[in-house]
N, C-alpha and C. Protein backbone atom coordinates (compact mmCIF):
# COMPACT_ATOMS: atom_id res chain seq x y z
N UNK A 1 -11.93 -25.59 10.62
CA UNK A 1 -11.70 -24.02 10.69
C UNK A 1 -11.29 -23.11 11.10
N UNK A 2 -10.48 -23.65 12.18
CA UNK A 2 -9.47 -22.87 12.78
C UNK A 2 -8.31 -23.44 12.00
N UNK A 3 -7.67 -24.20 10.85
CA UNK A 3 -6.76 -24.78 10.44
C UNK A 3 -6.93 -23.55 9.28
N UNK A 4 -8.04 -23.54 8.87
CA UNK A 4 -7.88 -22.81 7.65
C UNK A 4 -7.62 -21.04 7.59
N UNK A 5 -8.53 -20.58 9.50
CA UNK A 5 -8.33 -19.28 9.38
C UNK A 5 -6.71 -19.12 9.85
N UNK A 6 -6.08 -20.02 10.43
CA UNK A 6 -4.21 -19.50 10.57
C UNK A 6 -3.75 -19.88 9.01
N UNK A 7 -4.29 -20.59 8.46
CA UNK A 7 -3.78 -20.83 6.62
C UNK A 7 -4.02 -19.60 6.28
N UNK A 8 -5.12 -18.98 6.53
CA UNK A 8 -5.10 -17.45 5.58
C UNK A 8 -4.64 -16.32 6.50
N UNK A 9 -3.86 -15.96 7.40
CA UNK A 9 -3.64 -15.14 8.21
C UNK A 9 -1.96 -15.42 7.54
N UNK A 10 -1.23 -16.27 7.65
CA UNK A 10 -0.40 -16.37 7.22
C UNK A 10 -0.38 -16.38 5.87
N UNK A 11 -0.81 -16.91 4.86
CA UNK A 11 -1.15 -16.41 3.23
C UNK A 11 -1.19 -15.09 2.94
N UNK A 12 -2.10 -14.16 3.88
CA UNK A 12 -1.73 -12.51 3.69
C UNK A 12 -0.88 -11.91 3.83
N UNK A 13 0.31 -12.66 4.73
CA UNK A 13 1.29 -12.02 4.89
C UNK A 13 2.49 -12.24 4.06
N UNK A 14 1.96 -13.24 3.61
CA UNK A 14 3.28 -13.55 2.69
C UNK A 14 2.78 -13.22 1.25
N UNK A 15 1.51 -12.94 1.00
CA UNK A 15 1.02 -12.32 -0.39
C UNK A 15 1.24 -10.58 -0.28
N UNK A 16 1.49 -10.48 0.97
CA UNK A 16 1.80 -8.65 1.10
C UNK A 16 3.07 -8.70 0.74
N UNK A 17 4.44 -9.40 1.45
CA UNK A 17 5.81 -9.53 0.88
C UNK A 17 6.21 -10.00 -0.35
N UNK A 18 5.29 -11.08 -1.00
CA UNK A 18 5.06 -10.85 -2.61
C UNK A 18 4.93 -9.71 -3.38
N UNK A 19 3.43 -9.16 -3.23
CA UNK A 19 3.39 -8.12 -3.87
C UNK A 19 4.36 -6.72 -3.89
N UNK A 20 5.10 -6.87 -2.56
CA UNK A 20 6.80 -5.84 -2.85
C UNK A 20 7.03 -6.60 -3.34
N UNK A 21 7.71 -7.75 -3.77
CA UNK A 21 8.49 -7.97 -4.92
C UNK A 21 7.88 -7.68 -5.61
N UNK A 22 6.89 -7.84 -6.10
CA UNK A 22 6.61 -7.59 -7.63
C UNK A 22 6.84 -6.15 -8.35
N UNK A 23 6.31 -5.15 -6.97
CA UNK A 23 6.79 -4.13 -7.05
C UNK A 23 8.36 -3.49 -7.22
N UNK A 24 9.22 -4.07 -6.59
CA UNK A 24 10.59 -3.84 -6.65
C UNK A 24 10.78 -4.75 -7.83
N UNK A 25 10.32 -5.76 -8.49
CA UNK A 25 10.65 -6.12 -9.73
C UNK A 25 10.15 -5.27 -11.08
N UNK A 26 9.12 -4.60 -10.98
CA UNK A 26 8.88 -3.72 -11.48
C UNK A 26 9.38 -2.17 -11.99
N UNK A 27 10.17 -1.82 -10.33
CA UNK A 27 11.00 -0.85 -10.40
C UNK A 27 11.93 -1.13 -10.94
N UNK A 28 12.59 -2.42 -11.15
CA UNK A 28 14.16 -2.52 -11.01
C UNK A 28 13.91 -2.96 -13.23
N UNK A 29 12.71 -2.74 -13.39
CA UNK A 29 12.65 -3.35 -15.13
C UNK A 29 12.49 -2.04 -15.92
N UNK A 30 11.90 -0.71 -15.14
CA UNK A 30 12.21 0.45 -15.47
C UNK A 30 12.76 1.21 -15.07
N UNK A 31 14.26 0.63 -14.40
CA UNK A 31 15.58 1.47 -14.34
C UNK A 31 15.18 2.22 -13.09
N UNK A 32 14.38 2.15 -12.26
CA UNK A 32 14.17 3.09 -11.03
C UNK A 32 14.58 1.86 -9.82
N UNK A 33 15.63 2.58 -9.67
CA UNK A 33 16.99 2.13 -8.88
C UNK A 33 17.20 2.66 -7.42
N UNK A 34 16.59 3.54 -7.00
CA UNK A 34 16.47 4.43 -6.00
C UNK A 34 15.37 3.95 -4.75
N UNK A 35 14.22 3.18 -5.36
CA UNK A 35 13.29 3.00 -4.33
C UNK A 35 12.77 1.30 -4.42
N UNK A 36 12.26 0.88 -2.98
CA UNK A 36 12.06 -0.75 -2.89
C UNK A 36 10.21 -0.24 -2.92
N UNK A 37 10.14 -1.81 -2.75
CA UNK A 37 8.26 -1.71 -3.40
C UNK A 37 7.99 -0.92 -2.23
N UNK A 38 8.05 -0.81 -0.18
CA UNK A 38 7.39 -0.50 0.42
C UNK A 38 7.31 1.13 -0.32
N UNK A 39 8.11 1.67 -0.70
CA UNK A 39 8.32 3.12 -0.76
C UNK A 39 7.28 3.33 -2.28
N UNK A 40 7.39 2.70 -3.24
CA UNK A 40 6.37 2.79 -4.28
C UNK A 40 4.67 2.51 -4.27
N UNK A 41 5.08 1.70 -3.05
CA UNK A 41 3.42 1.41 -2.68
C UNK A 41 2.67 2.22 -1.93
N UNK A 42 3.75 3.22 -0.71
CA UNK A 42 3.23 4.43 -0.61
C UNK A 42 3.04 5.60 -1.12
N UNK A 43 4.03 5.49 -2.53
CA UNK A 43 3.51 6.93 -3.28
C UNK A 43 2.60 6.97 -3.88
N UNK A 44 1.64 5.01 -4.45
CA UNK A 44 0.80 5.11 -5.25
C UNK A 44 -0.64 5.00 -4.08
N UNK A 45 -0.17 4.52 -2.91
CA UNK A 45 -1.37 5.02 -1.70
C UNK A 45 -1.99 6.72 -1.61
N UNK A 46 -0.62 7.46 -1.70
CA UNK A 46 -0.62 8.77 -1.63
C UNK A 46 -1.67 9.33 -3.11
N UNK A 47 -0.75 8.77 -4.02
CA UNK A 47 -1.51 9.67 -5.16
C UNK A 47 -2.10 10.99 -5.29
N UNK A 48 -3.37 11.28 -5.48
CA UNK A 48 -3.47 12.42 -5.67
C UNK A 48 -3.55 13.56 -4.59
N UNK A 49 -3.16 12.77 -3.83
CA UNK A 49 -3.78 13.83 -2.08
C UNK A 49 -2.67 14.23 -1.67
N UNK A 50 -3.10 15.53 -1.35
CA UNK A 50 -2.05 16.15 0.14
C UNK A 50 -2.22 15.43 1.45
N UNK A 51 -1.40 15.08 2.22
CA UNK A 51 -2.10 14.46 3.35
C UNK A 51 -1.00 14.38 4.33
N UNK A 52 -1.36 14.56 5.21
CA UNK A 52 -0.83 14.50 6.67
C UNK A 52 -0.14 13.08 7.01
N UNK A 53 1.37 12.93 7.18
CA UNK A 53 1.47 12.31 7.52
C UNK A 53 1.53 11.32 8.48
N UNK A 54 0.66 11.64 9.70
CA UNK A 54 0.21 10.59 10.24
C UNK A 54 -1.13 9.73 9.98
N UNK A 55 -1.81 10.66 9.00
CA UNK A 55 -2.86 9.95 8.26
C UNK A 55 -2.52 8.61 7.19
N UNK A 56 -1.49 9.00 7.10
CA UNK A 56 -0.93 7.54 5.98
C UNK A 56 -0.89 6.17 6.81
N UNK A 57 -0.39 6.60 8.42
CA UNK A 57 -0.90 5.38 9.25
C UNK A 57 -2.17 4.96 9.48
N UNK A 58 -3.07 6.12 9.57
CA UNK A 58 -4.40 6.14 10.32
C UNK A 58 -5.05 5.01 9.22
N UNK A 59 -4.93 5.73 7.97
CA UNK A 59 -5.83 5.09 7.00
C UNK A 59 -5.18 3.84 6.37
N UNK A 60 -4.46 3.32 7.11
CA UNK A 60 -3.67 1.98 6.68
C UNK A 60 -3.15 2.16 5.26
N UNK A 61 -2.57 3.10 4.60
CA UNK A 61 -1.64 3.31 4.19
C UNK A 61 -0.17 3.15 4.13
N UNK A 62 0.33 3.16 4.79
CA UNK A 62 1.73 2.75 5.33
C UNK A 62 1.30 1.84 7.10
N UNK A 63 1.90 0.59 6.43
CA UNK A 63 1.91 -0.53 7.54
C UNK A 63 3.32 -0.79 8.49
N UNK A 64 4.97 0.37 7.95
CA UNK A 64 5.61 -0.03 8.59
C UNK A 64 5.58 0.94 9.84
N UNK A 65 7.07 0.84 10.70
CA UNK A 65 7.06 1.22 11.67
C UNK A 65 7.93 2.55 11.78
N UNK A 66 8.79 2.71 10.55
CA UNK A 66 9.49 3.57 10.24
C UNK A 66 8.63 4.45 8.86
N UNK A 67 8.35 4.87 9.21
CA UNK A 67 7.73 6.02 7.96
C UNK A 67 7.70 7.50 7.87
N UNK A 68 8.88 7.90 8.98
CA UNK A 68 9.38 9.49 9.03
C UNK A 68 10.36 8.91 7.99
N UNK A 69 11.22 7.63 8.14
CA UNK A 69 12.34 7.56 7.71
C UNK A 69 12.06 7.40 6.06
N UNK A 70 11.50 6.65 5.62
CA UNK A 70 10.69 6.50 4.33
C UNK A 70 10.18 8.06 3.23
N UNK A 71 9.33 8.88 4.15
CA UNK A 71 8.90 9.74 3.76
C UNK A 71 10.29 10.84 3.38
N UNK A 72 11.25 11.29 4.45
CA UNK A 72 12.53 11.42 4.66
C UNK A 72 13.28 11.73 3.19
N UNK A 73 12.71 9.88 3.14
CA UNK A 73 13.93 9.82 1.88
C UNK A 73 13.56 9.99 0.40
N UNK A 74 11.90 10.00 0.36
CA UNK A 74 11.60 9.90 -1.02
C UNK A 74 11.32 11.77 -0.96
N UNK A 75 11.32 12.24 -0.33
CA UNK A 75 11.45 13.94 -0.42
C UNK A 75 12.76 14.30 -0.43
N UNK A 76 13.81 13.54 -0.24
CA UNK A 76 15.44 14.06 -0.50
C UNK A 76 15.57 13.71 -1.86
N UNK A 77 15.12 12.19 -2.53
CA UNK A 77 15.23 11.23 -3.54
C UNK A 77 14.30 12.25 -4.62
N UNK A 78 13.35 13.34 -3.99
CA UNK A 78 12.64 14.45 -5.16
C UNK A 78 11.34 13.58 -5.80
N UNK A 79 11.26 12.42 -4.85
CA UNK A 79 9.60 11.90 -5.05
C UNK A 79 8.41 12.79 -4.69
N UNK A 80 8.83 13.09 -3.20
CA UNK A 80 7.79 13.72 -2.42
C UNK A 80 8.25 15.17 -2.41
N UNK A 81 6.98 16.14 -2.03
CA UNK A 81 6.97 17.34 -0.78
C UNK A 81 6.36 17.68 0.08
N UNK A 82 7.33 18.11 1.26
CA UNK A 82 5.85 18.38 1.91
C UNK A 82 6.38 19.69 2.50
N UNK A 83 5.49 19.38 3.78
CA UNK A 83 5.01 21.39 4.22
C UNK A 83 4.72 21.00 5.23
N UNK A 84 5.15 22.20 6.22
CA UNK A 84 4.13 21.73 7.34
C UNK A 84 2.45 22.70 7.27
N UNK A 85 1.64 22.20 7.68
CA UNK A 85 0.28 22.57 7.96
C UNK A 85 -0.36 23.77 8.19
N UNK A 86 -0.52 24.98 7.84
CA UNK A 86 -0.99 25.61 8.20
C UNK A 86 -2.28 25.69 8.80
N UNK A 87 -2.45 24.88 9.43
CA UNK A 87 -3.51 25.24 10.40
C UNK A 87 -2.87 24.36 12.00
N UNK A 88 -1.99 23.93 11.52
CA UNK A 88 -1.28 23.07 12.52
C UNK A 88 0.19 22.68 12.28
N UNK A 89 1.02 23.54 13.17
CA UNK A 89 2.03 23.90 12.27
C UNK A 89 3.10 22.47 12.75
N UNK A 90 2.60 21.62 14.16
CA UNK A 90 3.17 19.85 14.07
C UNK A 90 3.04 18.91 13.46
N UNK A 91 1.78 19.28 12.52
CA UNK A 91 1.49 18.25 11.07
C UNK A 91 2.04 18.45 9.92
N UNK A 92 2.45 17.70 9.63
CA UNK A 92 3.50 17.72 7.83
C UNK A 92 2.80 17.00 6.99
N UNK A 93 2.12 18.29 5.80
CA UNK A 93 1.91 17.24 4.96
C UNK A 93 2.42 16.89 3.55
N UNK A 94 2.23 15.98 2.73
CA UNK A 94 2.71 15.29 1.69
C UNK A 94 2.14 15.25 0.43
N UNK A 95 2.56 15.97 -0.69
CA UNK A 95 1.98 15.20 -1.79
C UNK A 95 3.14 14.75 -3.31
N UNK A 96 2.70 14.43 -3.76
CA UNK A 96 3.75 13.95 -5.04
C UNK A 96 4.77 15.10 -5.58
N UNK A 97 5.71 14.99 -6.05
CA UNK A 97 5.91 15.51 -7.22
C UNK A 97 5.75 14.82 -8.83
N UNK A 98 6.11 15.98 -9.47
CA UNK A 98 5.99 14.88 -11.13
C UNK A 98 6.63 13.54 -10.74
N UNK A 99 7.86 13.44 -10.60
CA UNK A 99 8.76 12.07 -10.47
C UNK A 99 7.89 11.35 -9.58
N UNK A 100 7.15 11.52 -8.26
CA UNK A 100 6.53 10.49 -7.59
C UNK A 100 5.38 9.98 -8.41
N UNK A 101 4.84 11.10 -9.22
CA UNK A 101 3.63 10.74 -10.18
C UNK A 101 4.10 9.81 -11.32
N UNK A 102 5.26 10.19 -11.57
CA UNK A 102 5.45 9.00 -12.67
C UNK A 102 5.53 7.38 -12.22
N UNK A 103 5.46 7.54 -10.79
CA UNK A 103 6.28 5.50 -10.42
C UNK A 103 4.62 5.31 -10.06
N UNK A 104 3.84 6.25 -9.71
CA UNK A 104 2.79 5.98 -9.52
C UNK A 104 1.81 5.51 -11.03
N UNK A 105 2.37 5.81 -11.76
CA UNK A 105 1.60 5.04 -13.41
C UNK A 105 2.47 3.90 -13.41
N UNK A 106 3.56 3.83 -13.18
CA UNK A 106 4.53 3.06 -13.31
C UNK A 106 3.79 1.75 -12.67
N UNK A 107 3.12 1.61 -11.13
CA UNK A 107 2.51 0.94 -10.43
C UNK A 107 1.01 0.98 -10.94
N UNK A 108 0.50 1.81 -11.63
CA UNK A 108 -0.91 1.82 -12.10
C UNK A 108 -0.58 0.80 -12.88
N UNK A 109 0.57 1.02 -13.95
CA UNK A 109 0.66 0.04 -15.00
C UNK A 109 0.61 -1.53 -15.16
N UNK A 110 1.19 -1.41 -13.61
CA UNK A 110 1.90 -3.00 -13.61
C UNK A 110 0.62 -3.60 -13.10
N UNK A 111 0.08 -2.77 -11.66
CA UNK A 111 -1.11 -3.64 -11.37
C UNK A 111 -2.43 -3.95 -12.41
N UNK A 112 -2.75 -3.27 -13.12
CA UNK A 112 -3.35 -3.34 -14.45
C UNK A 112 -3.01 -4.85 -15.13
N UNK A 113 -2.00 -5.09 -15.35
CA UNK A 113 -1.67 -6.03 -16.13
C UNK A 113 -1.27 -7.35 -15.65
N UNK A 114 -1.14 -7.38 -13.66
CA UNK A 114 -1.24 -8.27 -13.19
C UNK A 114 -2.71 -8.49 -12.99
N UNK A 115 -3.66 -8.05 -12.84
CA UNK A 115 -5.01 -8.11 -12.48
C UNK A 115 -5.73 -8.79 -14.44
N UNK A 116 -5.45 -8.33 -14.83
CA UNK A 116 -5.69 -9.14 -16.01
C UNK A 116 -5.05 -10.75 -16.47
N UNK A 117 -3.76 -11.03 -16.29
CA UNK A 117 -3.13 -11.79 -16.09
C UNK A 117 -3.90 -12.92 -15.07
N UNK A 118 -4.52 -12.20 -13.32
CA UNK A 118 -4.67 -13.08 -12.80
C UNK A 118 -6.60 -13.53 -13.16
N UNK A 119 -6.92 -12.75 -13.63
CA UNK A 119 -8.41 -12.99 -14.24
C UNK A 119 -8.82 -14.02 -15.37
N UNK A 120 -7.44 -13.86 -16.27
CA UNK A 120 -7.69 -15.11 -17.26
C UNK A 120 -7.37 -16.30 -16.14
N UNK A 121 -6.65 -16.73 -16.10
CA UNK A 121 -6.74 -18.00 -14.67
C UNK A 121 -8.07 -18.12 -13.79
N UNK A 122 -8.52 -17.36 -13.37
CA UNK A 122 -9.64 -17.59 -12.74
C UNK A 122 -10.85 -18.04 -13.89
N UNK A 123 -11.57 -19.01 -13.33
CA UNK A 123 -13.24 -19.60 -14.20
C UNK A 123 -14.20 -18.54 -14.71
N UNK A 124 -14.25 -17.65 -13.10
CA UNK A 124 -15.42 -16.74 -13.01
C UNK A 124 -14.86 -15.67 -11.55
N UNK A 125 -15.48 -14.80 -12.29
CA UNK A 125 -15.29 -13.32 -11.15
C UNK A 125 -16.06 -13.79 -9.23
N UNK A 126 -16.92 -14.91 -9.77
CA UNK A 126 -17.45 -15.05 -8.13
C UNK A 126 -16.63 -15.20 -6.81
N UNK A 127 -15.85 -16.34 -7.30
CA UNK A 127 -14.72 -17.02 -6.45
C UNK A 127 -13.58 -15.44 -5.40
N UNK A 128 -13.36 -14.50 -6.83
CA UNK A 128 -12.82 -13.42 -6.68
C UNK A 128 -13.55 -12.53 -5.33
N UNK A 129 -14.91 -12.17 -5.89
CA UNK A 129 -15.81 -11.44 -5.36
C UNK A 129 -15.99 -12.04 -4.02
N UNK A 130 -16.30 -13.48 -3.52
CA UNK A 130 -16.10 -13.77 -1.96
C UNK A 130 -15.17 -14.19 -1.45
N UNK A 131 -14.17 -13.71 -1.98
CA UNK A 131 -12.57 -14.09 -1.49
C UNK A 131 -12.48 -12.43 -0.98
N UNK A 132 -13.13 -11.46 -1.21
CA UNK A 132 -12.71 -9.73 -1.21
C UNK A 132 -13.46 -10.01 0.25
N UNK A 133 -14.83 -10.56 -0.18
CA UNK A 133 -15.77 -10.20 0.73
C UNK A 133 -15.18 -10.69 1.77
N UNK A 134 -14.87 -11.90 2.06
CA UNK A 134 -14.52 -12.42 3.79
C UNK A 134 -13.20 -11.52 4.16
N UNK A 135 -12.59 -11.42 3.08
CA UNK A 135 -11.34 -10.90 3.69
C UNK A 135 -11.72 -9.48 4.01
N UNK A 136 -12.42 -8.75 3.58
CA UNK A 136 -13.06 -7.40 4.25
C UNK A 136 -13.79 -7.63 5.40
N UNK A 137 -14.32 -8.56 5.57
CA UNK A 137 -14.65 -8.64 6.49
C UNK A 137 -14.39 -9.34 8.05
N UNK A 138 -12.94 -10.08 7.68
CA UNK A 138 -11.86 -10.39 9.23
C UNK A 138 -10.80 -9.11 8.77
N UNK A 139 -10.74 -8.25 8.01
CA UNK A 139 -10.23 -6.76 8.34
C UNK A 139 -11.08 -6.19 9.33
N UNK A 140 -12.63 -5.85 8.70
CA UNK A 140 -13.66 -5.26 10.04
C UNK A 140 -13.53 -6.10 11.49
N UNK A 141 -13.45 -7.59 11.21
CA UNK A 141 -13.34 -8.09 12.49
C UNK A 141 -11.93 -7.92 13.77
N UNK A 142 -10.78 -7.84 12.73
CA UNK A 142 -9.56 -7.44 13.59
C UNK A 142 -9.89 -5.66 14.09
N UNK A 143 -10.06 -4.76 12.91
CA UNK A 143 -10.70 -3.71 13.83
C UNK A 143 -11.77 -3.54 14.78
N UNK A 144 -12.62 -4.08 14.47
CA UNK A 144 -13.77 -4.00 16.44
C UNK A 144 -12.69 -4.92 17.51
N UNK A 145 -11.69 -5.78 17.23
CA UNK A 145 -11.11 -6.26 18.28
C UNK A 145 -9.90 -5.68 18.61
N UNK A 146 -9.48 -4.51 17.78
CA UNK A 146 -8.63 -3.63 18.54
C UNK A 146 -9.20 -2.62 19.19
N UNK A 147 -10.18 -2.32 18.55
CA UNK A 147 -10.93 -0.91 19.34
C UNK A 147 -11.72 -1.41 20.36
N UNK A 148 -12.56 -2.83 20.79
CA UNK A 148 -13.21 -2.92 21.75
C UNK A 148 -12.38 -3.99 22.53
N UNK A 149 -11.41 -4.65 22.22
CA UNK A 149 -10.80 -6.06 22.28
C UNK A 149 -11.91 -7.21 22.62
N UNK A 150 -13.00 -7.24 22.36
CA UNK A 150 -13.33 -8.41 22.07
C UNK A 150 -14.30 -8.95 20.46
N UNK A 151 -13.84 -10.06 20.26
CA UNK A 151 -14.60 -10.38 19.01
C UNK A 151 -16.12 -10.45 18.86
């Protein structure tokens, strides 16, 4: 069991990196040369929301350590608008521009194509459903460990 757990944790990381590669490839095919996969995923996670930058990290929308760099770059490139929150001037809210929404559409179309191709490779959805449930349990276990310091 320990071997499978270790294999799973390594696979999760590799899959995340590979997914970012898929997004980068999709952007390149669409002629979007000024974004990388992390930035496209960040835009997709923001979606139609107006969200505080700190909430991006707290909600798990952004996993990197340089969120302020990416927000600034996305704003400079015209993918995001940002403004200070009316209720708390220390808090900065971001929302997509039309250019940012175009990228989100591109990411959504890519995800739909990939989902369709992947499900064709499966014999049934039961294995995928079980995999999702197990990964959700792992996420909760890790969150509890971070929060409470014990398993």
